[in-house]
C-alpha cells in the first residue's frame, strides 16, 4: 500500500514501513499511517537515502529490519525509542 512518501504492508491493525520515497533531511517517522499503528520498519526501507541527516523513530515501533539505513551516508543522528527490541544486521552500515 502507498500513502504519500510511504510504502507499507498491513498486518491486522498495524503496519510495517517497507519504503520511503521522500527526500527529507530531518525526518520523523509517523506513528500511524492511514489509521494503522506503525510497529516495524522493514528491511532496507531507507537504504541509500543520502539526504537523511536526522531520523526520529516513534514509540510503538518494536522492530528495525536488516539494512534499514544502509548507505545513508549523511545520517548522523537517530532517536530510537525504548520499545525497539530488535535491530537487524547492517541496519546502519555505511552511515
PDB file of N, CA and C in Angstrom:
ATOM      1  N   UNK A   1       0.842  -1.166   0.000  1.00  0.00           N
ATOM      2  CA  UNK A   1       0.000   0.000   0.000  1.00  0.00           C
ATOM      3  C   UNK A   1       0.893   1.237   0.000  1.00  0.00           C
ATOM      4  N   UNK A   2       0.324   2.358  -0.442  1.00  0.00           N
ATOM      5  CA  UNK A   2       1.082   3.603  -0.541  1.00  0.00           C
ATOM      6  C   UNK A   2       0.281   4.734   0.085  1.00  0.00           C
ATOM      7  N   UNK A   3       0.979   5.574   0.858  1.00  0.00           N
ATOM      8  CA  UNK A   3       0.392   6.785   1.421  1.00  0.00           C
ATOM      9  C   UNK A   3       1.455   7.865   1.391  1.00  0.00           C
ATOM     10  N   UNK A   4       1.331   8.809   0.483  1.00  0.00           N
ATOM     11  CA  UNK A   4       2.342   9.861   0.348  1.00  0.00           C
ATOM     12  C   UNK A   4       3.697   9.272  -0.013  1.00  0.00           C
ATOM     13  N   UNK A   5       4.711   9.576   0.819  1.00  0.00           N
ATOM     14  CA  UNK A   5       6.071   9.083   0.587  1.00  0.00           C
ATOM     15  C   UNK A   5       6.316   7.704   1.200  1.00  0.00           C
ATOM     16  N   UNK A   6       5.268   7.071   1.728  1.00  0.00           N
ATOM     17  CA  UNK A   6       5.413   5.821   2.475  1.00  0.00           C
ATOM     18  C   UNK A   6       4.789   4.633   1.749  1.00  0.00           C
ATOM     19  N   UNK A   7       5.548   3.581   1.622  1.00  0.00           N
ATOM     20  CA  UNK A   7       5.032   2.284   1.183  1.00  0.00           C
ATOM     21  C   UNK A   7       4.969   1.422   2.438  1.00  0.00           C
ATOM     22  N   UNK A   8       3.923   0.606   2.552  1.00  0.00           N
ATOM     23  CA  UNK A   8       3.789  -0.196   3.757  1.00  0.00           C
ATOM     24  C   UNK A   8       2.948  -1.436   3.505  1.00  0.00           C
ATOM     25  N   UNK A   9       3.104  -2.401   4.405  1.00  0.00           N
ATOM     26  CA  UNK A   9       2.271  -3.597   4.387  1.00  0.00           C
ATOM     27  C   UNK A   9       1.411  -3.594   5.644  1.00  0.00           C
ATOM     28  N   UNK A  10       0.269  -4.243   5.559  1.00  0.00           N
ATOM     29  CA  UNK A  10      -0.697  -4.254   6.661  1.00  0.00           C
ATOM     30  C   UNK A  10      -0.734  -5.629   7.308  1.00  0.00           C
ATOM     31  N   UNK A  11      -0.796  -5.621   8.643  1.00  0.00           N
ATOM     32  CA  UNK A  11      -0.964  -6.855   9.404  1.00  0.00           C
ATOM     33  C   UNK A  11      -1.990  -6.563  10.498  1.00  0.00           C
ATOM     34  N   UNK A  12      -3.248  -6.859  10.231  1.00  0.00           N
ATOM     35  CA  UNK A  12      -4.321  -6.546  11.181  1.00  0.00           C
ATOM     36  C   UNK A  12      -4.520  -5.047  11.285  1.00  0.00           C
ATOM     37  N   UNK A  13      -4.318  -4.499  12.485  1.00  0.00           N
ATOM     38  CA  UNK A  13      -4.484  -3.057  12.681  1.00  0.00           C
ATOM     39  C   UNK A  13      -3.143  -2.347  12.827  1.00  0.00           C
ATOM     40  N   UNK A  14      -2.059  -3.013  12.380  1.00  0.00           N
ATOM     41  CA  UNK A  14      -0.729  -2.401  12.401  1.00  0.00           C
ATOM     42  C   UNK A  14      -0.118  -2.468  11.006  1.00  0.00           C
ATOM     43  N   UNK A  15       0.989  -1.753  10.841  1.00  0.00           N
ATOM     44  CA  UNK A  15       1.663  -1.790   9.546  1.00  0.00           C
ATOM     45  C   UNK A  15       3.175  -1.763   9.720  1.00  0.00           C
ATOM     46  N   UNK A  16       3.839  -2.175   8.649  1.00  0.00           N
ATOM     47  CA  UNK A  16       5.292  -2.155   8.551  1.00  0.00           C
ATOM     48  C   UNK A  16       5.665  -1.256   7.389  1.00  0.00           C
ATOM     49  N   UNK A  17       6.517  -0.286   7.643  1.00  0.00           N
ATOM     50  CA  UNK A  17       7.019   0.563   6.558  1.00  0.00           C
ATOM     51  C   UNK A  17       7.970  -0.281   5.716  1.00  0.00           C
ATOM     52  N   UNK A  18       7.781  -0.240   4.392  1.00  0.00           N
ATOM     53  CA  UNK A  18       8.632  -1.025   3.505  1.00  0.00           C
ATOM     54  C   UNK A  18       9.516  -0.165   2.605  1.00  0.00           C
ATOM     55  N   UNK A  19       9.147   1.127   2.440  1.00  0.00           N
ATOM     56  CA  UNK A  19       9.976   2.017   1.637  1.00  0.00           C
ATOM     57  C   UNK A  19       9.571   3.464   1.884  1.00  0.00           C
ATOM     58  N   UNK A  20      10.570   4.336   1.845  1.00  0.00           N
ATOM     59  CA  UNK A  20      10.363   5.780   1.929  1.00  0.00           C
ATOM     60  C   UNK A  20      10.865   6.381   0.629  1.00  0.00           C
ATOM     61  N   UNK A  21      10.043   7.219  -0.025  1.00  0.00           N
ATOM     62  CA  UNK A  21      10.433   7.781  -1.315  1.00  0.00           C
ATOM     63  C   UNK A  21      10.683   9.282  -1.261  1.00  0.00           C
ATOM     64  N   UNK A  22      10.608   9.871  -0.080  1.00  0.00           N
ATOM     65  CA  UNK A  22      10.816  11.314   0.060  1.00  0.00           C
ATOM     66  C   UNK A  22      12.285  11.685   0.042  1.00  0.00           C
ATOM     67  N   UNK A  23      12.541  12.978   0.271  1.00  0.00           N
ATOM     68  CA  UNK A  23      13.922  13.476   0.244  1.00  0.00           C
ATOM     69  C   UNK A  23      14.223  14.381   1.436  1.00  0.00           C
ATOM     70  N   UNK A  24      13.549  14.160   2.544  1.00  0.00           N
ATOM     71  CA  UNK A  24      13.750  14.983   3.738  1.00  0.00           C
ATOM     72  C   UNK A  24      15.172  14.831   4.276  1.00  0.00           C
ATOM     73  N   UNK A  25      15.657  15.878   4.933  1.00  0.00           N
ATOM     74  CA  UNK A  25      16.942  15.789   5.626  1.00  0.00           C
ATOM     75  C   UNK A  25      16.720  15.467   7.099  1.00  0.00           C
ATOM     76  N   UNK A  26      15.634  15.985   7.668  1.00  0.00           N
ATOM     77  CA  UNK A  26      15.249  15.684   9.044  1.00  0.00           C
ATOM     78  C   UNK A  26      13.878  15.027   8.987  1.00  0.00           C
ATOM     79  N   UNK A  27      13.786  13.804   9.461  1.00  0.00           N
ATOM     80  CA  UNK A  27      12.576  13.020   9.282  1.00  0.00           C
ATOM     81  C   UNK A  27      12.088  12.437  10.598  1.00  0.00           C
ATOM     82  N   UNK A  28      10.803  12.622  10.866  1.00  0.00           N
ATOM     83  CA  UNK A  28      10.149  11.920  11.961  1.00  0.00           C
ATOM     84  C   UNK A  28       9.227  10.891  11.326  1.00  0.00           C
ATOM     85  N   UNK A  29       9.510   9.640  11.582  1.00  0.00           N
ATOM     86  CA  UNK A  29       8.688   8.568  11.046  1.00  0.00           C
ATOM     87  C   UNK A  29       7.324   8.634  11.740  1.00  0.00           C
ATOM     88  N   UNK A  30       6.228   8.541  11.003  1.00  0.00           N
ATOM     89  CA  UNK A  30       4.907   8.653  11.637  1.00  0.00           C
ATOM     90  C   UNK A  30       4.590   7.451  12.527  1.00  0.00           C
ATOM     91  N   UNK A  31       3.835   7.700  13.584  1.00  0.00           N
ATOM     92  CA  UNK A  31       3.416   6.608  14.460  1.00  0.00           C
ATOM     93  C   UNK A  31       2.216   5.869  13.883  1.00  0.00           C
ATOM     94  N   UNK A  32       1.524   6.526  12.933  1.00  0.00           N
ATOM     95  CA  UNK A  32       0.387   5.918  12.242  1.00  0.00           C
ATOM     96  C   UNK A  32       0.428   6.286  10.772  1.00  0.00           C
ATOM     97  N   UNK A  33      -0.021   5.361   9.938  1.00  0.00           N
ATOM     98  CA  UNK A  33      -0.219   5.622   8.516  1.00  0.00           C
ATOM     99  C   UNK A  33      -1.613   5.123   8.174  1.00  0.00           C
ATOM    100  N   UNK A  34      -2.422   5.991   7.641  1.00  0.00           N
ATOM    101  CA  UNK A  34      -3.800   5.644   7.274  1.00  0.00           C
ATOM    102  C   UNK A  34      -4.549   4.965   8.424  1.00  0.00           C
ATOM    103  N   UNK A  35      -4.325   5.443   9.645  1.00  0.00           N
ATOM    104  CA  UNK A  35      -5.020   4.921  10.814  1.00  0.00           C
ATOM    105  C   UNK A  35      -4.455   3.633  11.379  1.00  0.00           C
ATOM    106  N   UNK A  36      -3.359   3.143  10.802  1.00  0.00           N
ATOM    107  CA  UNK A  36      -2.716   1.908  11.259  1.00  0.00           C
ATOM    108  C   UNK A  36      -1.458   2.252  12.051  1.00  0.00           C
ATOM    109  N   UNK A  37      -1.294   1.640  13.210  1.00  0.00           N
ATOM    110  CA  UNK A  37      -0.104   1.873  14.023  1.00  0.00           C
ATOM    111  C   UNK A  37       1.133   1.307  13.329  1.00  0.00           C
ATOM    112  N   UNK A  38       2.185   2.116  13.239  1.00  0.00           N
ATOM    113  CA  UNK A  38       3.452   1.646  12.680  1.00  0.00           C
ATOM    114  C   UNK A  38       4.194   0.906  13.787  1.00  0.00           C
ATOM    115  N   UNK A  39       4.455  -0.389  13.579  1.00  0.00           N
ATOM    116  CA  UNK A  39       5.135  -1.196  14.593  1.00  0.00           C
ATOM    117  C   UNK A  39       6.485  -1.730  14.124  1.00  0.00           C
ATOM    118  N   UNK A  40       6.771  -1.600  12.829  1.00  0.00           N
ATOM    119  CA  UNK A  40       8.036  -2.119  12.316  1.00  0.00           C
ATOM    120  C   UNK A  40       8.502  -1.301  11.121  1.00  0.00           C
ATOM    121  N   UNK A  41       9.809  -1.307  10.948  1.00  0.00           N
ATOM    122  CA  UNK A  41      10.425  -0.695   9.770  1.00  0.00           C
ATOM    123  C   UNK A  41      11.124  -1.833   9.049  1.00  0.00           C
ATOM    124  N   UNK A  42      10.639  -2.138   7.877  1.00  0.00           N
ATOM    125  CA  UNK A  42      11.100  -3.312   7.136  1.00  0.00           C
ATOM    126  C   UNK A  42      12.491  -3.181   6.549  1.00  0.00           C
ATOM    127  N   UNK A  43      13.018  -4.309   6.116  1.00  0.00           N
ATOM    128  CA  UNK A  43      14.364  -4.394   5.548  1.00  0.00           C
ATOM    129  C   UNK A  43      14.595  -3.355   4.456  1.00  0.00           C
ATOM    130  N   UNK A  44      15.707  -2.663   4.567  1.00  0.00           N
ATOM    131  CA  UNK A  44      16.197  -1.717   3.546  1.00  0.00           C
ATOM    132  C   UNK A  44      15.229  -0.581   3.225  1.00  0.00           C
ATOM    133  N   UNK A  45      14.310  -0.265   4.104  1.00  0.00           N
ATOM    134  CA  UNK A  45      13.284   0.755   3.838  1.00  0.00           C
ATOM    135  C   UNK A  45      13.844   2.133   3.500  1.00  0.00           C
ATOM    136  N   UNK A  46      14.982   2.476   4.070  1.00  0.00           N
ATOM    137  CA  UNK A  46      15.589   3.788   3.843  1.00  0.00           C
ATOM    138  C   UNK A  46      16.966   3.669   3.200  1.00  0.00           C
ATOM    139  N   UNK A  47      17.306   2.504   2.705  1.00  0.00           N
ATOM    140  CA  UNK A  47      18.638   2.272   2.147  1.00  0.00           C
ATOM    141  C   UNK A  47      18.978   3.307   1.086  1.00  0.00           C
ATOM    142  N   UNK A  48      20.162   3.871   1.207  1.00  0.00           N
ATOM    143  CA  UNK A  48      20.717   4.844   0.261  1.00  0.00           C
ATOM    144  C   UNK A  48      19.944   6.162   0.198  1.00  0.00           C
ATOM    145  N   UNK A  49      19.217   6.494   1.250  1.00  0.00           N
ATOM    146  CA  UNK A  49      18.589   7.834   1.344  1.00  0.00           C
ATOM    147  C   UNK A  49      19.676   8.798   1.820  1.00  0.00           C
ATOM    148  N   UNK A  50      20.512   9.237   0.894  1.00  0.00           N
ATOM    149  CA  UNK A  50      21.691  10.017   1.247  1.00  0.00           C
ATOM    150  C   UNK A  50      21.373  11.414   1.761  1.00  0.00           C
ATOM    151  N   UNK A  51      20.133  11.889   1.592  1.00  0.00           N
ATOM    152  CA  UNK A  51      19.772  13.216   2.095  1.00  0.00           C
ATOM    153  C   UNK A  51      19.466  13.204   3.595  1.00  0.00           C
ATOM    154  N   UNK A  52      19.185  12.029   4.169  1.00  0.00           N
ATOM    155  CA  UNK A  52      18.819  11.954   5.584  1.00  0.00           C
ATOM    156  C   UNK A  52      19.994  12.313   6.489  1.00  0.00           C
ATOM    157  N   UNK A  53      19.761  13.273   7.386  1.00  0.00           N
ATOM    158  CA  UNK A  53      20.745  13.667   8.380  1.00  0.00           C
ATOM    159  C   UNK A  53      20.282  13.235   9.766  1.00  0.00           C
ATOM    160  N   UNK A  54      18.967  13.324   9.994  1.00  0.00           N
ATOM    161  CA  UNK A  54      18.391  13.038  11.304  1.00  0.00           C
ATOM    162  C   UNK A  54      17.086  12.268  11.151  1.00  0.00           C
ATOM    163  N   UNK A  55      16.905  11.232  11.980  1.00  0.00           N
ATOM    164  CA  UNK A  55      15.684  10.426  11.947  1.00  0.00           C
ATOM    165  C   UNK A  55      15.207  10.207  13.377  1.00  0.00           C
ATOM    166  N   UNK A  56      13.899  10.371  13.578  1.00  0.00           N
ATOM    167  CA  UNK A  56      13.273  10.047  14.850  1.00  0.00           C
ATOM    168  C   UNK A  56      12.276   8.926  14.608  1.00  0.00           C
ATOM    169  N   UNK A  57      12.459   7.839  15.334  1.00  0.00           N
ATOM    170  CA  UNK A  57      11.561   6.690  15.242  1.00  0.00           C
ATOM    171  C   UNK A  57      10.561   6.814  16.388  1.00  0.00           C
ATOM    172  N   UNK A  58       9.267   6.661  16.117  1.00  0.00           N
ATOM    173  CA  UNK A  58       8.262   6.884  17.158  1.00  0.00           C
ATOM    174  C   UNK A  58       8.124   5.721  18.135  1.00  0.00           C
ATOM    175  N   UNK A  59       7.577   6.030  19.315  1.00  0.00           N
ATOM    176  CA  UNK A  59       7.201   4.983  20.259  1.00  0.00           C
ATOM    177  C   UNK A  59       6.232   4.048  19.550  1.00  0.00           C
ATOM    178  N   UNK A  60       6.264   2.797  19.905  1.00  0.00           N
ATOM    179  CA  UNK A  60       5.378   1.809  19.291  1.00  0.00           C
ATOM    180  C   UNK A  60       6.084   0.950  18.266  1.00  0.00           C
ATOM    181  N   UNK A  61       7.173   1.460  17.692  1.00  0.00           N
ATOM    182  CA  UNK A  61       7.960   0.646  16.762  1.00  0.00           C
ATOM    183  C   UNK A  61       8.783  -0.326  17.600  1.00  0.00           C
ATOM    184  N   UNK A  62       8.676  -1.603  17.283  1.00  0.00           N
ATOM    185  CA  UNK A  62       9.396  -2.626  18.052  1.00  0.00           C
ATOM    186  C   UNK A  62      10.502  -3.312  17.255  1.00  0.00           C
ATOM    187  N   UNK A  63      10.472  -3.149  15.934  1.00  0.00           N
ATOM    188  CA  UNK A  63      11.426  -3.866  15.097  1.00  0.00           C
ATOM    189  C   UNK A  63      11.980  -2.973  13.998  1.00  0.00           C
ATOM    190  N   UNK A  64      13.301  -3.017  13.845  1.00  0.00           N
ATOM    191  CA  UNK A  64      14.000  -2.304  12.774  1.00  0.00           C
ATOM    192  C   UNK A  64      14.713  -3.383  11.963  1.00  0.00           C
ATOM    193  N   UNK A  65      14.401  -3.470  10.696  1.00  0.00           N
ATOM    194  CA  UNK A  65      14.878  -4.568   9.866  1.00  0.00           C
ATOM    195  C   UNK A  65      16.318  -4.482   9.408  1.00  0.00           C
ATOM    196  N   UNK A  66      16.706  -5.496   8.672  1.00  0.00           N
ATOM    197  CA  UNK A  66      18.032  -5.648   8.081  1.00  0.00           C
ATOM    198  C   UNK A  66      18.335  -4.483   7.132  1.00  0.00           C
ATOM    199  N   UNK A  67      19.492  -3.849   7.296  1.00  0.00           N
ATOM    200  CA  UNK A  67      19.960  -2.831   6.357  1.00  0.00           C
ATOM    201  C   UNK A  67      19.061  -1.620   6.205  1.00  0.00           C
ATOM    202  N   UNK A  68      18.237  -1.327   7.191  1.00  0.00           N
ATOM    203  CA  UNK A  68      17.235  -0.259   7.071  1.00  0.00           C
ATOM    204  C   UNK A  68      17.837   1.072   6.633  1.00  0.00           C
ATOM    205  N   UNK A  69      18.919   1.491   7.251  1.00  0.00           N
ATOM    206  CA  UNK A  69      19.532   2.780   6.922  1.00  0.00           C
ATOM    207  C   UNK A  69      20.880   2.598   6.216  1.00  0.00           C
ATOM    208  N   UNK A  70      21.099   1.447   5.649  1.00  0.00           N
ATOM    209  CA  UNK A  70      22.346   1.152   4.950  1.00  0.00           C
ATOM    210  C   UNK A  70      22.590   2.160   3.828  1.00  0.00           C
ATOM    211  N   UNK A  71      23.778   2.707   3.799  1.00  0.00           N
ATOM    212  CA  UNK A  71      24.140   3.646   2.740  1.00  0.00           C
ATOM    213  C   UNK A  71      23.616   5.053   2.929  1.00  0.00           C
ATOM    214  N   UNK A  72      23.045   5.339   4.072  1.00  0.00           N
ATOM    215  CA  UNK A  72      22.573   6.714   4.372  1.00  0.00           C
ATOM    216  C   UNK A  72      23.778   7.507   4.868  1.00  0.00           C
ATOM    217  N   UNK A  73      24.628   7.897   3.952  1.00  0.00           N
ATOM    218  CA  UNK A  73      25.940   8.449   4.281  1.00  0.00           C
ATOM    219  C   UNK A  73      25.906   9.772   5.039  1.00  0.00           C
ATOM    220  N   UNK A  74      24.798  10.489   5.022  1.00  0.00           N
ATOM    221  CA  UNK A  74      24.699  11.761   5.749  1.00  0.00           C
ATOM    222  C   UNK A  74      24.056  11.600   7.122  1.00  0.00           C
ATOM    223  N   UNK A  75      23.545  10.415   7.438  1.00  0.00           N
ATOM    224  CA  UNK A  75      22.831  10.190   8.694  1.00  0.00           C
ATOM    225  C   UNK A  75      23.798  10.274   9.876  1.00  0.00           C
ATOM    226  N   UNK A  76      23.568  11.267  10.747  1.00  0.00           N
ATOM    227  CA  UNK A  76      24.444  11.460  11.898  1.00  0.00           C
ATOM    228  C   UNK A  76      23.702  11.433  13.225  1.00  0.00           C
ATOM    229  N   UNK A  77      22.371  11.461  13.187  1.00  0.00           N
ATOM    230  CA  UNK A  77      21.596  11.478  14.427  1.00  0.00           C
ATOM    231  C   UNK A  77      20.331  10.648  14.262  1.00  0.00           C
ATOM    232  N   UNK A  78      20.092   9.753  15.223  1.00  0.00           N
ATOM    233  CA  UNK A  78      18.875   8.951  15.183  1.00  0.00           C
ATOM    234  C   UNK A  78      18.362   8.765  16.609  1.00  0.00           C
ATOM    235  N   UNK A  79      17.050   8.887  16.759  1.00  0.00           N
ATOM    236  CA  UNK A  79      16.402   8.644  18.042  1.00  0.00           C
ATOM    237  C   UNK A  79      15.637   7.333  17.932  1.00  0.00           C
ATOM    238  N   UNK A  80      16.005   6.391  18.806  1.00  0.00           N
ATOM    239  CA  UNK A  80      15.373   5.069  18.816  1.00  0.00           C
ATOM    240  C   UNK A  80      14.655   4.913  20.155  1.00  0.00           C
ATOM    241  N   UNK A  81      13.350   4.641  20.138  1.00  0.00           N
ATOM    242  CA  UNK A  81      12.607   4.520  21.400  1.00  0.00           C
ATOM    243  C   UNK A  81      12.926   3.222  22.138  1.00  0.00           C
ATOM    244  N   UNK A  82      12.619   3.204  23.421  1.00  0.00           N
ATOM    245  CA  UNK A  82      12.842   2.009  24.247  1.00  0.00           C
ATOM    246  C   UNK A  82      12.017   0.815  23.785  1.00  0.00           C
ATOM    247  N   UNK A  83      10.937   1.060  23.023  1.00  0.00           N
ATOM    248  CA  UNK A  83      10.069  -0.014  22.540  1.00  0.00           C
ATOM    249  C   UNK A  83      10.780  -0.962  21.577  1.00  0.00           C
ATOM    250  N   UNK A  84      11.838  -0.492  20.927  1.00  0.00           N
ATOM    251  CA  UNK A  84      12.535  -1.314  19.935  1.00  0.00           C
ATOM    252  C   UNK A  84      13.253  -2.463  20.639  1.00  0.00           C
ATOM    253  N   UNK A  85      12.907  -3.686  20.233  1.00  0.00           N
ATOM    254  CA  UNK A  85      13.509  -4.878  20.828  1.00  0.00           C
ATOM    255  C   UNK A  85      14.355  -5.658  19.827  1.00  0.00           C
ATOM    256  N   UNK A  86      14.306  -5.246  18.551  1.00  0.00           N
ATOM    257  CA  UNK A  86      15.038  -5.976  17.520  1.00  0.00           C
ATOM    258  C   UNK A  86      15.580  -4.996  16.477  1.00  0.00           C
ATOM    259  N   UNK A  87      16.892  -5.080  16.231  1.00  0.00           N
ATOM    260  CA  UNK A  87      17.532  -4.294  15.172  1.00  0.00           C
ATOM    261  C   UNK A  87      18.291  -5.276  14.301  1.00  0.00           C
ATOM    262  N   UNK A  88      17.958  -5.294  13.013  1.00  0.00           N
ATOM    263  CA  UNK A  88      18.575  -6.236  12.083  1.00  0.00           C
ATOM    264  C   UNK A  88      20.023  -5.930  11.798  1.00  0.00           C
ATOM    265  N   UNK A  89      20.719  -6.937  11.300  1.00  0.00           N
ATOM    266  CA  UNK A  89      22.110  -6.784  10.907  1.00  0.00           C
ATOM    267  C   UNK A  89      22.263  -5.672   9.873  1.00  0.00           C
ATOM    268  N   UNK A  90      23.379  -5.001   9.926  1.00  0.00           N
ATOM    269  CA  UNK A  90      23.758  -3.961   8.958  1.00  0.00           C
ATOM    270  C   UNK A  90      22.752  -2.820   8.876  1.00  0.00           C
ATOM    271  N   UNK A  91      21.957  -2.609   9.935  1.00  0.00           N
ATOM    272  CA  UNK A  91      20.939  -1.566   9.928  1.00  0.00           C
ATOM    273  C   UNK A  91      21.531  -0.185   9.676  1.00  0.00           C
ATOM    274  N   UNK A  92      22.770   0.037  10.104  1.00  0.00           N
ATOM    275  CA  UNK A  92      23.392   1.355   9.955  1.00  0.00           C
ATOM    276  C   UNK A  92      24.698   1.284   9.163  1.00  0.00           C
ATOM    277  N   UNK A  93      24.843   0.271   8.358  1.00  0.00           N
ATOM    278  CA  UNK A  93      26.047   0.099   7.555  1.00  0.00           C
ATOM    279  C   UNK A  93      26.208   1.267   6.578  1.00  0.00           C
ATOM    280  N   UNK A  94      27.377   1.863   6.564  1.00  0.00           N
ATOM    281  CA  UNK A  94      27.641   2.960   5.640  1.00  0.00           C
ATOM    282  C   UNK A  94      27.108   4.298   6.086  1.00  0.00           C
ATOM    283  N   UNK A  95      26.742   4.399   7.348  1.00  0.00           N
ATOM    284  CA  UNK A  95      26.268   5.689   7.886  1.00  0.00           C
ATOM    285  C   UNK A  95      27.439   6.446   8.483  1.00  0.00           C
TER     286      UNK A  95
END
